[in-house]
Amino acid sequence: METRPKKSRKKSPSRWSSGICSICGVWVNMNTQEHAEGHGFKNADKMAKAGVVKSNNKMG
């Protein structure tokens, strides 16, 4: 019986990912509610889904 390779799921942005905020240029270990609200987002999850924090592995 052959096993099929597992399909890799595309990782969706998460507020728990570290990276650089593309709005203010600050390094964040995780996207906090306060940081997101400071930029006008309703919460940190909305900011993460907007793709504002650029993770280290996406950068050149």
PDB file of N, CA and C in Angstrom:
ATOM      1  N   MET A   1       0.832  -1.177   0.000  1.00  0.00           N
ATOM      2  CA  MET A   1       0.000   0.000   0.000  1.00  0.00           C
ATOM      3  C   MET A   1       0.883   1.249   0.000  1.00  0.00           C
ATOM      4  N   GLU A   2       0.618   2.131  -0.942  1.00  0.00           N
ATOM      5  CA  GLU A   2       1.401   3.357  -1.031  1.00  0.00           C
ATOM      6  C   GLU A   2       0.840   4.425  -0.114  1.00  0.00           C
ATOM      7  N   THR A   3       1.736   5.184   0.455  1.00  0.00           N
ATOM      8  CA  THR A   3       1.281   6.306   1.271  1.00  0.00           C
ATOM      9  C   THR A   3       1.419   7.584   0.460  1.00  0.00           C
ATOM     10  N   ARG A   4       0.431   8.403   0.558  1.00  0.00           N
ATOM     11  CA  ARG A   4       0.465   9.674  -0.153  1.00  0.00           C
ATOM     12  C   ARG A   4       1.192  10.711   0.697  1.00  0.00           C
ATOM     13  N   PRO A   5       1.947  11.570   0.028  1.00  0.00           N
ATOM     14  CA  PRO A   5       2.597  12.627   0.809  1.00  0.00           C
ATOM     15  C   PRO A   5       1.549  13.568   1.389  1.00  0.00           C
ATOM     16  N   LYS A   6       1.819  14.034   2.586  1.00  0.00           N
ATOM     17  CA  LYS A   6       0.886  14.955   3.217  1.00  0.00           C
ATOM     18  C   LYS A   6       0.923  16.288   2.496  1.00  0.00           C
ATOM     19  N   LYS A   7      -0.252  16.841   2.290  1.00  0.00           N
ATOM     20  CA  LYS A   7      -0.328  18.154   1.666  1.00  0.00           C
ATOM     21  C   LYS A   7       0.045  19.195   2.714  1.00  0.00           C
ATOM     22  N   SER A   8       0.955  20.064   2.341  1.00  0.00           N
ATOM     23  CA  SER A   8       1.328  21.105   3.295  1.00  0.00           C
ATOM     24  C   SER A   8       0.311  22.235   3.213  1.00  0.00           C
ATOM     25  N   ARG A   9      -0.147  22.629   4.374  1.00  0.00           N
ATOM     26  CA  ARG A   9      -1.102  23.720   4.429  1.00  0.00           C
ATOM     27  C   ARG A   9      -0.349  25.033   4.415  1.00  0.00           C
ATOM     28  N   LYS A  10      -0.912  25.999   3.736  1.00  0.00           N
ATOM     29  CA  LYS A  10      -0.314  27.322   3.752  1.00  0.00           C
ATOM     30  C   LYS A  10      -0.559  27.928   5.127  1.00  0.00           C
ATOM     31  N   LYS A  11       0.502  28.412   5.749  1.00  0.00           N
ATOM     32  CA  LYS A  11       0.367  28.999   7.075  1.00  0.00           C
ATOM     33  C   LYS A  11      -0.329  30.341   6.962  1.00  0.00           C
ATOM     34  N   SER A  12      -1.374  30.500   7.739  1.00  0.00           N
ATOM     35  CA  SER A  12      -2.046  31.788   7.761  1.00  0.00           C
ATOM     36  C   SER A  12      -1.357  32.678   8.781  1.00  0.00           C
ATOM     37  N   PRO A  13      -1.384  33.982   8.550  1.00  0.00           N
ATOM     38  CA  PRO A  13      -0.733  34.886   9.501  1.00  0.00           C
ATOM     39  C   PRO A  13      -1.319  34.732  10.899  1.00  0.00           C
ATOM     40  N   SER A  14      -0.471  34.823  11.877  1.00  0.00           N
ATOM     41  CA  SER A  14      -0.894  34.651  13.258  1.00  0.00           C
ATOM     42  C   SER A  14      -0.350  35.791  14.109  1.00  0.00           C
ATOM     43  N   ARG A  15      -1.102  36.189  15.099  1.00  0.00           N
ATOM     44  CA  ARG A  15      -0.628  37.241  16.002  1.00  0.00           C
ATOM     45  C   ARG A  15       0.520  36.761  16.859  1.00  0.00           C
ATOM     46  N   TRP A  16       0.766  35.448  16.883  1.00  0.00           N
ATOM     47  CA  TRP A  16       1.825  34.884  17.712  1.00  0.00           C
ATOM     48  C   TRP A  16       3.163  34.840  16.985  1.00  0.00           C
ATOM     49  N   SER A  17       3.185  35.234  15.731  1.00  0.00           N
ATOM     50  CA  SER A  17       4.429  35.236  14.965  1.00  0.00           C
ATOM     51  C   SER A  17       5.233  36.487  15.240  1.00  0.00           C
ATOM     52  N   SER A  18       6.547  36.346  15.298  1.00  0.00           N
ATOM     53  CA  SER A  18       7.398  37.512  15.481  1.00  0.00           C
ATOM     54  C   SER A  18       7.755  38.096  14.126  1.00  0.00           C
ATOM     55  N   GLY A  19       8.113  39.362  14.133  1.00  0.00           N
ATOM     56  CA  GLY A  19       8.504  40.016  12.895  1.00  0.00           C
ATOM     57  C   GLY A  19       8.535  41.523  13.056  1.00  0.00           C
ATOM     58  N   ILE A  20       8.633  42.214  11.929  1.00  0.00           N
ATOM     59  CA  ILE A  20       8.709  43.669  11.930  1.00  0.00           C
ATOM     60  C   ILE A  20       7.371  44.236  11.477  1.00  0.00           C
ATOM     61  N   CYS A  21       6.858  45.180  12.248  1.00  0.00           N
ATOM     62  CA  CYS A  21       5.612  45.858  11.898  1.00  0.00           C
ATOM     63  C   CYS A  21       5.902  46.764  10.705  1.00  0.00           C
ATOM     64  N   SER A  22       5.206  46.566   9.603  1.00  0.00           N
ATOM     65  CA  SER A  22       5.471  47.366   8.415  1.00  0.00           C
ATOM     66  C   SER A  22       4.893  48.775   8.520  1.00  0.00           C
ATOM     67  N   ILE A  23       4.111  49.050   9.547  1.00  0.00           N
ATOM     68  CA  ILE A  23       3.559  50.392   9.739  1.00  0.00           C
ATOM     69  C   ILE A  23       4.558  51.278  10.476  1.00  0.00           C
ATOM     70  N   CYS A  24       5.089  50.778  11.594  1.00  0.00           N
ATOM     71  CA  CYS A  24       5.973  51.617  12.415  1.00  0.00           C
ATOM     72  C   CYS A  24       7.422  51.139  12.433  1.00  0.00           C
ATOM     73  N   GLY A  25       7.715  49.969  11.887  1.00  0.00           N
ATOM     74  CA  GLY A  25       9.089  49.478  11.821  1.00  0.00           C
ATOM     75  C   GLY A  25       9.626  48.878  13.106  1.00  0.00           C
ATOM     76  N   VAL A  26       8.765  48.619  14.068  1.00  0.00           N
ATOM     77  CA  VAL A  26       9.173  48.060  15.359  1.00  0.00           C
ATOM     78  C   VAL A  26       9.166  46.530  15.296  1.00  0.00           C
ATOM     79  N   TRP A  27      10.222  45.912  15.867  1.00  0.00           N
ATOM     80  CA  TRP A  27      10.271  44.457  15.984  1.00  0.00           C
ATOM     81  C   TRP A  27       9.294  44.028  17.075  1.00  0.00           C
ATOM     82  N   VAL A  28       8.442  43.045  16.777  1.00  0.00           N
ATOM     83  CA  VAL A  28       7.512  42.529  17.774  1.00  0.00           C
ATOM     84  C   VAL A  28       7.740  41.026  17.922  1.00  0.00           C
ATOM     85  N   ASN A  29       7.826  40.569  19.173  1.00  0.00           N
ATOM     86  CA  ASN A  29       7.943  39.130  19.423  1.00  0.00           C
ATOM     87  C   ASN A  29       6.617  38.448  19.171  1.00  0.00           C
ATOM     88  N   MET A  30       5.539  39.167  19.448  1.00  0.00           N
ATOM     89  CA  MET A  30       4.189  38.736  19.107  1.00  0.00           C
ATOM     90  C   MET A  30       3.359  40.002  18.981  1.00  0.00           C
ATOM     91  N   ASN A  31       2.321  39.942  18.213  1.00  0.00           N
ATOM     92  CA  ASN A  31       1.485  41.108  17.969  1.00  0.00           C
ATOM     93  C   ASN A  31       0.503  41.259  19.136  1.00  0.00           C
ATOM     94  N   THR A  32       0.668  42.311  19.921  1.00  0.00           N
ATOM     95  CA  THR A  32      -0.188  42.503  21.084  1.00  0.00           C
ATOM     96  C   THR A  32      -1.443  43.294  20.714  1.00  0.00           C
ATOM     97  N   GLN A  33      -2.457  43.170  21.551  1.00  0.00           N
ATOM     98  CA  GLN A  33      -3.693  43.923  21.345  1.00  0.00           C
ATOM     99  C   GLN A  33      -3.395  45.422  21.361  1.00  0.00           C
ATOM    100  N   GLU A  34      -2.550  45.855  22.282  1.00  0.00           N
ATOM    101  CA  GLU A  34      -2.228  47.277  22.409  1.00  0.00           C
ATOM    102  C   GLU A  34      -1.547  47.808  21.151  1.00  0.00           C
ATOM    103  N   HIS A  35      -0.624  47.026  20.597  1.00  0.00           N
ATOM    104  CA  HIS A  35       0.073  47.455  19.381  1.00  0.00           C
ATOM    105  C   HIS A  35      -0.915  47.568  18.220  1.00  0.00           C
ATOM    106  N   ALA A  36      -1.775  46.589  18.088  1.00  0.00           N
ATOM    107  CA  ALA A  36      -2.761  46.589  17.009  1.00  0.00           C
ATOM    108  C   ALA A  36      -3.738  47.757  17.152  1.00  0.00           C
ATOM    109  N   GLU A  37      -4.214  47.982  18.362  1.00  0.00           N
ATOM    110  CA  GLU A  37      -5.159  49.083  18.587  1.00  0.00           C
ATOM    111  C   GLU A  37      -4.493  50.432  18.346  1.00  0.00           C
ATOM    112  N   GLY A  38      -3.193  50.527  18.616  1.00  0.00           N
ATOM    113  CA  GLY A  38      -2.451  51.757  18.358  1.00  0.00           C
ATOM    114  C   GLY A  38      -2.394  52.114  16.878  1.00  0.00           C
ATOM    115  N   HIS A  39      -2.552  51.109  16.031  1.00  0.00           N
ATOM    116  CA  HIS A  39      -2.569  51.334  14.583  1.00  0.00           C
ATOM    117  C   HIS A  39      -3.989  51.360  14.015  1.00  0.00           C
ATOM    118  N   GLY A  40      -4.982  51.325  14.895  1.00  0.00           N
ATOM    119  CA  GLY A  40      -6.364  51.438  14.451  1.00  0.00           C
ATOM    120  C   GLY A  40      -7.067  50.129  14.145  1.00  0.00           C
ATOM    121  N   PHE A  41      -6.435  48.999  14.452  1.00  0.00           N
ATOM    122  CA  PHE A  41      -7.086  47.707  14.232  1.00  0.00           C
ATOM    123  C   PHE A  41      -7.962  47.379  15.426  1.00  0.00           C
ATOM    124  N   LYS A  42      -9.023  46.619  15.162  1.00  0.00           N
ATOM    125  CA  LYS A  42      -9.947  46.242  16.234  1.00  0.00           C
ATOM    126  C   LYS A  42      -9.277  45.318  17.240  1.00  0.00           C
ATOM    127  N   ASN A  43      -8.447  44.398  16.752  1.00  0.00           N
ATOM    128  CA  ASN A  43      -7.697  43.501  17.635  1.00  0.00           C
ATOM    129  C   ASN A  43      -6.474  42.962  16.894  1.00  0.00           C
ATOM    130  N   ALA A  44      -5.633  42.237  17.620  1.00  0.00           N
ATOM    131  CA  ALA A  44      -4.379  41.751  17.054  1.00  0.00           C
ATOM    132  C   ALA A  44      -4.596  40.706  15.953  1.00  0.00           C
ATOM    133  N   ASP A  45      -5.654  39.938  16.053  1.00  0.00           N
ATOM    134  CA  ASP A  45      -5.934  38.939  15.017  1.00  0.00           C
ATOM    135  C   ASP A  45      -6.256  39.603  13.681  1.00  0.00           C
ATOM    136  N   LYS A  46      -6.992  40.713  13.718  1.00  0.00           N
ATOM    137  CA  LYS A  46      -7.310  41.451  12.486  1.00  0.00           C
ATOM    138  C   LYS A  46      -6.031  42.021  11.864  1.00  0.00           C
ATOM    139  N   MET A  47      -5.137  42.507  12.704  1.00  0.00           N
ATOM    140  CA  MET A  47      -3.869  43.047  12.206  1.00  0.00           C
ATOM    141  C   MET A  47      -3.035  41.937  11.569  1.00  0.00           C
ATOM    142  N   ALA A  48      -3.021  40.771  12.185  1.00  0.00           N
ATOM    143  CA  ALA A  48      -2.267  39.639  11.635  1.00  0.00           C
ATOM    144  C   ALA A  48      -2.829  39.222  10.279  1.00  0.00           C
ATOM    145  N   LYS A  49      -4.143  39.154  10.173  1.00  0.00           N
ATOM    146  CA  LYS A  49      -4.768  38.764   8.910  1.00  0.00           C
ATOM    147  C   LYS A  49      -4.518  39.786   7.808  1.00  0.00           C
ATOM    148  N   ALA A  50      -4.305  41.051   8.189  1.00  0.00           N
ATOM    149  CA  ALA A  50      -4.004  42.095   7.218  1.00  0.00           C
ATOM    150  C   ALA A  50      -2.574  41.976   6.690  1.00  0.00           C
ATOM    151  N   GLY A  51      -1.745  41.159   7.345  1.00  0.00           N
ATOM    152  CA  GLY A  51      -0.375  40.931   6.875  1.00  0.00           C
ATOM    153  C   GLY A  51       0.563  42.079   7.167  1.00  0.00           C
ATOM    154  N   VAL A  52       0.312  42.821   8.227  1.00  0.00           N
ATOM    155  CA  VAL A  52       1.131  43.985   8.559  1.00  0.00           C
ATOM    156  C   VAL A  52       2.488  43.586   9.136  1.00  0.00           C
ATOM    157  N   VAL A  53       2.541  42.532   9.926  1.00  0.00           N
ATOM    158  CA  VAL A  53       3.807  42.085  10.511  1.00  0.00           C
ATOM    159  C   VAL A  53       4.481  41.134   9.538  1.00  0.00           C
ATOM    160  N   LYS A  54       5.689  41.520   9.116  1.00  0.00           N
ATOM    161  CA  LYS A  54       6.446  40.714   8.171  1.00  0.00           C
ATOM    162  C   LYS A  54       7.416  39.840   8.939  1.00  0.00           C
ATOM    163  N   SER A  55       7.231  38.529   8.821  1.00  0.00           N
ATOM    164  CA  SER A  55       8.087  37.608   9.582  1.00  0.00           C
ATOM    165  C   SER A  55       9.474  37.543   8.984  1.00  0.00           C
ATOM    166  N   ASN A  56      10.400  37.104   9.786  1.00  0.00           N
ATOM    167  CA  ASN A  56      11.807  37.056   9.405  1.00  0.00           C
ATOM    168  C   ASN A  56      12.050  36.186   8.178  1.00  0.00           C
ATOM    169  N   ASN A  57      11.352  35.053   8.062  1.00  0.00           N
ATOM    170  CA  ASN A  57      11.604  34.148   6.950  1.00  0.00           C
ATOM    171  C   ASN A  57      11.000  34.629   5.641  1.00  0.00           C
ATOM    172  N   LYS A  58      10.162  35.658   5.651  1.00  0.00           N
ATOM    173  CA  LYS A  58       9.615  36.220   4.422  1.00  0.00           C
ATOM    174  C   LYS A  58      10.522  37.321   3.872  1.00  0.00           C
ATOM    175  N   MET A  59      11.405  37.817   4.716  1.00  0.00           N
ATOM    176  CA  MET A  59      12.257  38.917   4.313  1.00  0.00           C
ATOM    177  C   MET A  59      13.505  38.375   3.629  1.00  0.00           C
ATOM    178  N   GLY A  60      13.929  39.056   2.554  1.00  0.00           N
ATOM    179  CA  GLY A  60      15.051  38.703   1.728  1.00  0.00           C
ATOM    180  C   GLY A  60      16.154  38.071   2.406  1.00  0.00           C
TER     181      GLY A  60
END
